[in-house]
PDB file of N, CA and C in Angstrom:
ATOM      1  N   MET A   1       1.027  -1.153  -0.068  1.00  0.00           N
ATOM      2  CA  MET A   1      -0.013  -0.118  -0.038  1.00  0.00           C
ATOM      3  C   MET A   1       0.854   1.140  -0.096  1.00  0.00           C
ATOM      4  N   THR A   2       0.414   2.363  -0.735  1.00  0.00           N
ATOM      5  CA  THR A   2       1.302   3.416  -0.897  1.00  0.00           C
ATOM      6  C   THR A   2       0.879   4.445  -0.037  1.00  0.00           C
ATOM      7  N   GLN A   3       1.646   5.089   0.774  1.00  0.00           N
ATOM      8  CA  GLN A   3       1.358   6.161   1.459  1.00  0.00           C
ATOM      9  C   GLN A   3       1.035   7.187   0.955  1.00  0.00           C
ATOM     10  N   PRO A   4       0.302   8.648   1.003  1.00  0.00           N
ATOM     11  CA  PRO A   4      -0.096   9.656   0.457  1.00  0.00           C
ATOM     12  C   PRO A   4       1.170  10.675   0.571  1.00  0.00           C
ATOM     13  N   ASN A   5       1.342  11.491  -0.249  1.00  0.00           N
ATOM     14  CA  ASN A   5       2.835  12.443   0.037  1.00  0.00           C
ATOM     15  C   ASN A   5       2.263  13.332   1.394  1.00  0.00           C
ATOM     16  N   TRP A   6       3.374  14.047   1.857  1.00  0.00           N
ATOM     17  CA  TRP A   6       3.080  15.038   2.817  1.00  0.00           C
ATOM     18  C   TRP A   6       1.808  15.821   2.435  1.00  0.00           C
ATOM     19  N   HIS A   7       1.776  16.574   1.325  1.00  0.00           N
ATOM     20  CA  HIS A   7       0.993  17.645   1.316  1.00  0.00           C
ATOM     21  C   HIS A   7      -0.508  17.037   1.258  1.00  0.00           C
ATOM     22  N   THR A   8      -0.729  15.642   0.543  1.00  0.00           N
ATOM     23  CA  THR A   8      -2.293  15.112   0.342  1.00  0.00           C
ATOM     24  C   THR A   8      -2.380  14.831   1.822  1.00  0.00           C
ATOM     25  N   ALA A   9      -1.511  14.079   2.785  1.00  0.00           N
ATOM     26  CA  ALA A   9      -1.912  13.921   3.833  1.00  0.00           C
ATOM     27  C   ALA A   9      -2.256  15.072   4.945  1.00  0.00           C
ATOM     28  N   THR A  10      -1.643  15.964   4.723  1.00  0.00           N
ATOM     29  CA  THR A  10      -1.729  17.437   5.307  1.00  0.00           C
ATOM     30  C   THR A  10      -3.251  17.835   5.386  1.00  0.00           C
ATOM     31  N   MET A  11      -3.410  17.981   3.779  1.00  0.00           N
ATOM     32  CA  MET A  11      -5.213  18.573   3.437  1.00  0.00           C
ATOM     33  C   MET A  11      -6.274  17.643   4.064  1.00  0.00           C
ATOM     34  N   ALA A  12      -5.856  16.409   3.910  1.00  0.00           N
ATOM     35  CA  ALA A  12      -6.662  15.384   4.681  1.00  0.00           C
ATOM     36  C   ALA A  12      -6.854  15.553   6.084  1.00  0.00           C
ATOM     37  N   ARG A  13      -5.647  15.857   6.761  1.00  0.00           N
ATOM     38  CA  ARG A  13      -5.912  15.912   8.297  1.00  0.00           C
ATOM     39  C   ARG A  13      -6.131  17.188   8.767  1.00  0.00           C
ATOM     40  N   PHE A  14      -6.479  18.197   7.857  1.00  0.00           N
ATOM     41  CA  PHE A  14      -6.791  19.776   8.088  1.00  0.00           C
ATOM     42  C   PHE A  14      -8.194  19.580   8.214  1.00  0.00           C
ATOM     43  N   LYS A  15      -8.771  18.853   7.434  1.00  0.00           N
ATOM     44  CA  LYS A  15     -10.172  18.677   7.129  1.00  0.00           C
ATOM     45  C   LYS A  15     -10.977  18.264   8.522  1.00  0.00           C
ATOM     46  N   THR A  16     -10.197  17.367   9.136  1.00  0.00           N
ATOM     47  CA  THR A  16     -10.625  17.264  10.323  1.00  0.00           C
ATOM     48  C   THR A  16     -10.694  17.584  11.853  1.00  0.00           C
ATOM     49  N   LEU A  17      -9.944  18.669  11.275  1.00  0.00           N
ATOM     50  CA  LEU A  17      -9.661  19.690  12.831  1.00  0.00           C
ATOM     51  C   LEU A  17     -10.776  20.544  12.994  1.00  0.00           C
ATOM     52  N   PRO A  18     -10.681  21.172  14.492  1.00  0.00           N
ATOM     53  CA  PRO A  18     -11.538  22.324  14.531  1.00  0.00           C
ATOM     54  C   PRO A  18     -11.083  23.701  14.140  1.00  0.00           C
ATOM     55  N   LEU A  19     -12.040  24.203  13.745  1.00  0.00           N
ATOM     56  CA  LEU A  19     -11.491  25.705  13.233  1.00  0.00           C
ATOM     57  C   LEU A  19     -10.456  26.358  13.922  1.00  0.00           C
ATOM     58  N   GLU A  20     -10.588  26.069  15.484  1.00  0.00           N
ATOM     59  CA  GLU A  20      -9.664  27.144  16.488  1.00  0.00           C
ATOM     60  C   GLU A  20      -8.366  26.559  16.065  1.00  0.00           C
ATOM     61  N   SER A  21      -8.119  24.892  15.730  1.00  0.00           N
ATOM     62  CA  SER A  21      -7.153  24.626  15.294  1.00  0.00           C
ATOM     63  C   SER A  21      -6.720  25.193  14.411  1.00  0.00           C
ATOM     64  N   LEU A  22      -7.195  24.814  13.377  1.00  0.00           N
ATOM     65  CA  LEU A  22      -6.611  25.688  12.004  1.00  0.00           C
ATOM     66  C   LEU A  22      -6.144  27.090  12.160  1.00  0.00           C
ATOM     67  N   TYR A  23      -6.784  27.840  12.949  1.00  0.00           N
ATOM     68  CA  TYR A  23      -6.213  29.185  13.066  1.00  0.00           C
ATOM     69  C   TYR A  23      -4.906  29.438  14.044  1.00  0.00           C
ATOM     70  N   PHE A  24      -4.867  28.416  14.778  1.00  0.00           N
ATOM     71  CA  PHE A  24      -3.538  28.455  15.440  1.00  0.00           C
ATOM     72  C   PHE A  24      -2.507  27.614  14.506  1.00  0.00           C
ATOM     73  N   ILE A  25      -2.815  26.691  13.739  1.00  0.00           N
ATOM     74  CA  ILE A  25      -1.763  26.328  12.626  1.00  0.00           C
ATOM     75  C   ILE A  25      -1.362  27.210  11.510  1.00  0.00           C
ATOM     76  N   ARG A  26      -2.272  27.998  11.355  1.00  0.00           N
ATOM     77  CA  ARG A  26      -2.005  29.158  10.192  1.00  0.00           C
ATOM     78  C   ARG A  26      -1.122  30.016  11.158  1.00  0.00           C
ATOM     79  N   ASP A  27      -1.246  30.470  11.952  1.00  0.00           N
ATOM     80  CA  ASP A  27      -0.879  31.699  12.435  1.00  0.00           C
ATOM     81  C   ASP A  27       1.028  31.167  13.441  1.00  0.00           C
ATOM     82  N   ASP A  28       0.697  29.818  13.739  1.00  0.00           N
ATOM     83  CA  ASP A  28       2.220  29.123  14.075  1.00  0.00           C
ATOM     84  C   ASP A  28       2.610  29.069  13.129  1.00  0.00           C
ATOM     85  N   ALA A  29       2.400  28.601  11.956  1.00  0.00           N
ATOM     86  CA  ALA A  29       3.295  27.974  10.723  1.00  0.00           C
ATOM     87  C   ALA A  29       3.746  29.648  10.137  1.00  0.00           C
ATOM     88  N   ALA A  30       2.822  30.575  10.141  1.00  0.00           N
ATOM     89  CA  ALA A  30       3.409  31.873   9.542  1.00  0.00           C
ATOM     90  C   ALA A  30       4.448  32.562  10.579  1.00  0.00           C
ATOM     91  N   ALA A  31       4.195  32.244  11.710  1.00  0.00           N
ATOM     92  CA  ALA A  31       5.625  32.976  12.375  1.00  0.00           C
ATOM     93  C   ALA A  31       6.971  32.425  12.509  1.00  0.00           C
ATOM     94  N   ALA A  32       6.664  30.681  12.055  1.00  0.00           N
ATOM     95  CA  ALA A  32       7.791  29.790  12.032  1.00  0.00           C
ATOM     96  C   ALA A  32       8.621  30.049  10.899  1.00  0.00           C
ATOM     97  N   ALA A  33       7.672  30.216   9.626  1.00  0.00           N
ATOM     98  CA  ALA A  33       8.333  30.966   8.467  1.00  0.00           C
ATOM     99  C   ALA A  33       8.946  31.841   8.415  1.00  0.00           C
ATOM    100  N   LYS A  34       8.324  33.009   8.766  1.00  0.00           N
ATOM    101  CA  LYS A  34       8.952  34.569   9.197  1.00  0.00           C
ATOM    102  C   LYS A  34      10.378  34.239   9.763  1.00  0.00           C
ATOM    103  N   ALA A  35      10.608  33.398  10.803  1.00  0.00           N
ATOM    104  CA  ALA A  35      11.656  33.175  11.668  1.00  0.00           C
ATOM    105  C   ALA A  35      12.831  32.227  10.786  1.00  0.00           C
ATOM    106  N   GLY A  36      12.420  31.590  10.037  1.00  0.00           N
ATOM    107  CA  GLY A  36      13.215  30.595   9.368  1.00  0.00           C
ATOM    108  C   GLY A  36      13.512  31.413   8.366  1.00  0.00           C
ATOM    109  N   GLU A  37      13.184  32.326   7.822  1.00  0.00           N
ATOM    110  CA  GLU A  37      13.534  33.124   6.645  1.00  0.00           C
ATOM    111  C   GLU A  37      14.683  33.668   6.904  1.00  0.00           C
ATOM    112  N   SER A  38      14.907  34.112   8.286  1.00  0.00           N
ATOM    113  CA  SER A  38      16.207  34.886   9.029  1.00  0.00           C
ATOM    114  C   SER A  38      17.277  34.081   9.014  1.00  0.00           C
ATOM    115  N   ILE A  39      17.008  32.987   9.255  1.00  0.00           N
ATOM    116  CA  ILE A  39      18.286  31.740   9.842  1.00  0.00           C
ATOM    117  C   ILE A  39      18.387  30.956   8.897  1.00  0.00           C
ATOM    118  N   GLY A  40      17.609  30.952   7.506  1.00  0.00           N
ATOM    119  CA  GLY A  40      18.001  30.013   6.473  1.00  0.00           C
ATOM    120  C   GLY A  40      17.293  28.438   6.739  1.00  0.00           C
ATOM    121  N   ASN A  41      16.070  28.658   7.155  1.00  0.00           N
ATOM    122  CA  ASN A  41      15.780  27.121   7.617  1.00  0.00           C
ATOM    123  C   ASN A  41      15.297  27.013   6.232  1.00  0.00           C
ATOM    124  N   PRO A  42      15.671  25.163   6.054  1.00  0.00           N
ATOM    125  CA  PRO A  42      14.982  24.843   4.611  1.00  0.00           C
ATOM    126  C   PRO A  42      13.824  24.414   5.047  1.00  0.00           C
ATOM    127  N   LYS A  43      12.981  24.147   6.075  1.00  0.00           N
ATOM    128  CA  LYS A  43      11.405  24.254   6.214  1.00  0.00           C
ATOM    129  C   LYS A  43      10.377  25.369   5.980  1.00  0.00           C
ATOM    130  N   VAL A  44      11.012  26.169   5.343  1.00  0.00           N
ATOM    131  CA  VAL A  44      10.119  27.483   5.048  1.00  0.00           C
ATOM    132  C   VAL A  44       9.054  26.974   4.604  1.00  0.00           C
ATOM    133  N   GLY A  45       9.375  26.372   3.498  1.00  0.00           N
ATOM    134  CA  GLY A  45       8.516  26.088   2.287  1.00  0.00           C
ATOM    135  C   GLY A  45       7.489  25.311   2.944  1.00  0.00           C
ATOM    136  N   GLN A  46       7.664  24.292   3.669  1.00  0.00           N
ATOM    137  CA  GLN A  46       6.651  23.398   4.429  1.00  0.00           C
ATOM    138  C   GLN A  46       5.691  24.332   5.148  1.00  0.00           C
ATOM    139  N   TYR A  47       6.374  25.211   5.919  1.00  0.00           N
ATOM    140  CA  TYR A  47       5.318  26.159   7.075  1.00  0.00           C
ATOM    141  C   TYR A  47       4.590  27.074   6.107  1.00  0.00           C
ATOM    142  N   LEU A  48       5.087  27.648   4.788  1.00  0.00           N
ATOM    143  CA  LEU A  48       3.922  27.920   3.975  1.00  0.00           C
ATOM    144  C   LEU A  48       2.695  27.315   3.784  1.00  0.00           C
ATOM    145  N   ASP A  49       3.406  26.158   3.147  1.00  0.00           N
ATOM    146  CA  ASP A  49       2.229  25.129   2.766  1.00  0.00           C
ATOM    147  C   ASP A  49       1.321  24.680   3.817  1.00  0.00           C
ATOM    148  N   GLU A  50       1.828  24.662   5.248  1.00  0.00           N
ATOM    149  CA  GLU A  50       0.512  24.638   6.093  1.00  0.00           C
ATOM    150  C   GLU A  50      -0.094  25.644   6.239  1.00  0.00           C
ATOM    151  N   VAL A  51       0.556  27.076   6.136  1.00  0.00           N
ATOM    152  CA  VAL A  51      -0.426  28.517   6.280  1.00  0.00           C
ATOM    153  C   VAL A  51      -1.320  28.288   5.077  1.00  0.00           C
ATOM    154  N   HIS A  52      -0.864  27.837   4.067  1.00  0.00           N
ATOM    155  CA  HIS A  52      -1.887  27.929   3.019  1.00  0.00           C
ATOM    156  C   HIS A  52      -2.793  26.624   2.897  1.00  0.00           C
ATOM    157  N   TYR A  53      -2.785  25.693   3.411  1.00  0.00           N
ATOM    158  CA  TYR A  53      -3.382  24.636   3.488  1.00  0.00           C
ATOM    159  C   TYR A  53      -4.630  25.017   4.633  1.00  0.00           C
ATOM    160  N   ALA A  54      -3.928  25.623   5.913  1.00  0.00           N
ATOM    161  CA  ALA A  54      -5.022  25.844   6.823  1.00  0.00           C
ATOM    162  C   ALA A  54      -6.012  26.861   6.327  1.00  0.00           C
ATOM    163  N   SER A  55      -5.513  27.990   5.691  1.00  0.00           N
ATOM    164  CA  SER A  55      -6.165  28.760   5.006  1.00  0.00           C
ATOM    165  C   SER A  55      -7.421  28.383   4.007  1.00  0.00           C
ATOM    166  N   MET A  56      -7.094  27.360   3.361  1.00  0.00           N
ATOM    167  CA  MET A  56      -7.882  26.891   2.370  1.00  0.00           C
ATOM    168  C   MET A  56      -9.061  26.304   3.199  1.00  0.00           C
ATOM    169  N   GLU A  57      -8.669  25.606   3.942  1.00  0.00           N
ATOM    170  CA  GLU A  57      -9.734  24.680   4.863  1.00  0.00           C
ATOM    171  C   GLU A  57     -10.603  25.839   5.535  1.00  0.00           C
ATOM    172  N   ILE A  58     -10.057  26.713   6.231  1.00  0.00           N
ATOM    173  CA  ILE A  58     -11.111  28.051   6.730  1.00  0.00           C
ATOM    174  C   ILE A  58     -11.774  28.701   5.958  1.00  0.00           C
ATOM    175  N   ALA A  59     -11.378  29.085   4.740  1.00  0.00           N
ATOM    176  CA  ALA A  59     -12.051  29.630   3.508  1.00  0.00           C
ATOM    177  C   ALA A  59     -13.433  28.425   3.107  1.00  0.00           C
ATOM    178  N   LYS A  60     -12.944  27.305   2.937  1.00  0.00           N
ATOM    179  CA  LYS A  60     -13.789  26.388   2.464  1.00  0.00           C
ATOM    180  C   LYS A  60     -15.022  26.554   3.344  1.00  0.00           C
ATOM    181  N   ARG A  61     -14.862  26.212   4.660  1.00  0.00           N
ATOM    182  CA  ARG A  61     -15.812  26.059   5.784  1.00  0.00           C
ATOM    183  C   ARG A  61     -16.426  27.275   5.805  1.00  0.00           C
ATOM    184  N   GLN A  62     -16.100  28.848   5.797  1.00  0.00           N
ATOM    185  CA  GLN A  62     -16.657  30.113   5.981  1.00  0.00           C
ATOM    186  C   GLN A  62     -17.539  30.088   4.877  1.00  0.00           C
ATOM    187  N   LYS A  63     -17.060  29.572   3.717  1.00  0.00           N
ATOM    188  CA  LYS A  63     -18.374  29.507   2.222  1.00  0.00           C
ATOM    189  C   LYS A  63     -19.571  28.477   3.055  1.00  0.00           C
ATOM    190  N   GLY A  64     -19.040  27.195   3.380  1.00  0.00           N
ATOM    191  CA  GLY A  64     -20.139  26.605   3.406  1.00  0.00           C
ATOM    192  C   GLY A  64     -21.356  27.165   4.501  1.00  0.00           C
ATOM    193  N   VAL A  65     -20.687  28.068   5.376  1.00  0.00           N
ATOM    194  CA  VAL A  65     -21.592  28.593   6.488  1.00  0.00           C
ATOM    195  C   VAL A  65     -22.291  29.453   5.609  1.00  0.00           C
ATOM    196  N   ALA A  66     -21.915  30.514   5.068  1.00  0.00           N
ATOM    197  CA  ALA A  66     -22.705  31.589   4.327  1.00  0.00           C
ATOM    198  C   ALA A  66     -23.539  31.213   3.143  1.00  0.00           C
ATOM    199  N   ALA A  67     -23.221  29.759   2.579  1.00  0.00           N
ATOM    200  CA  ALA A  67     -24.255  29.438   1.575  1.00  0.00           C
ATOM    201  C   ALA A  67     -25.428  28.822   2.365  1.00  0.00           C
TER     202      ALA A  67
END
């Protein structure tokens, strides 16, 4: 059995989290990316992906509430 890649697994996991967790992850990952840029951390891209995926899930849920 093939395991999904990190991106697919992260997006799937974010679908199961409460909004409060998504907001925390988004803000924490953004802070980590900003700090990492100043020291050359190679995981900056991954942190930015987490910001993006959490933001996508938040927006998706907000659209669902308004509809």
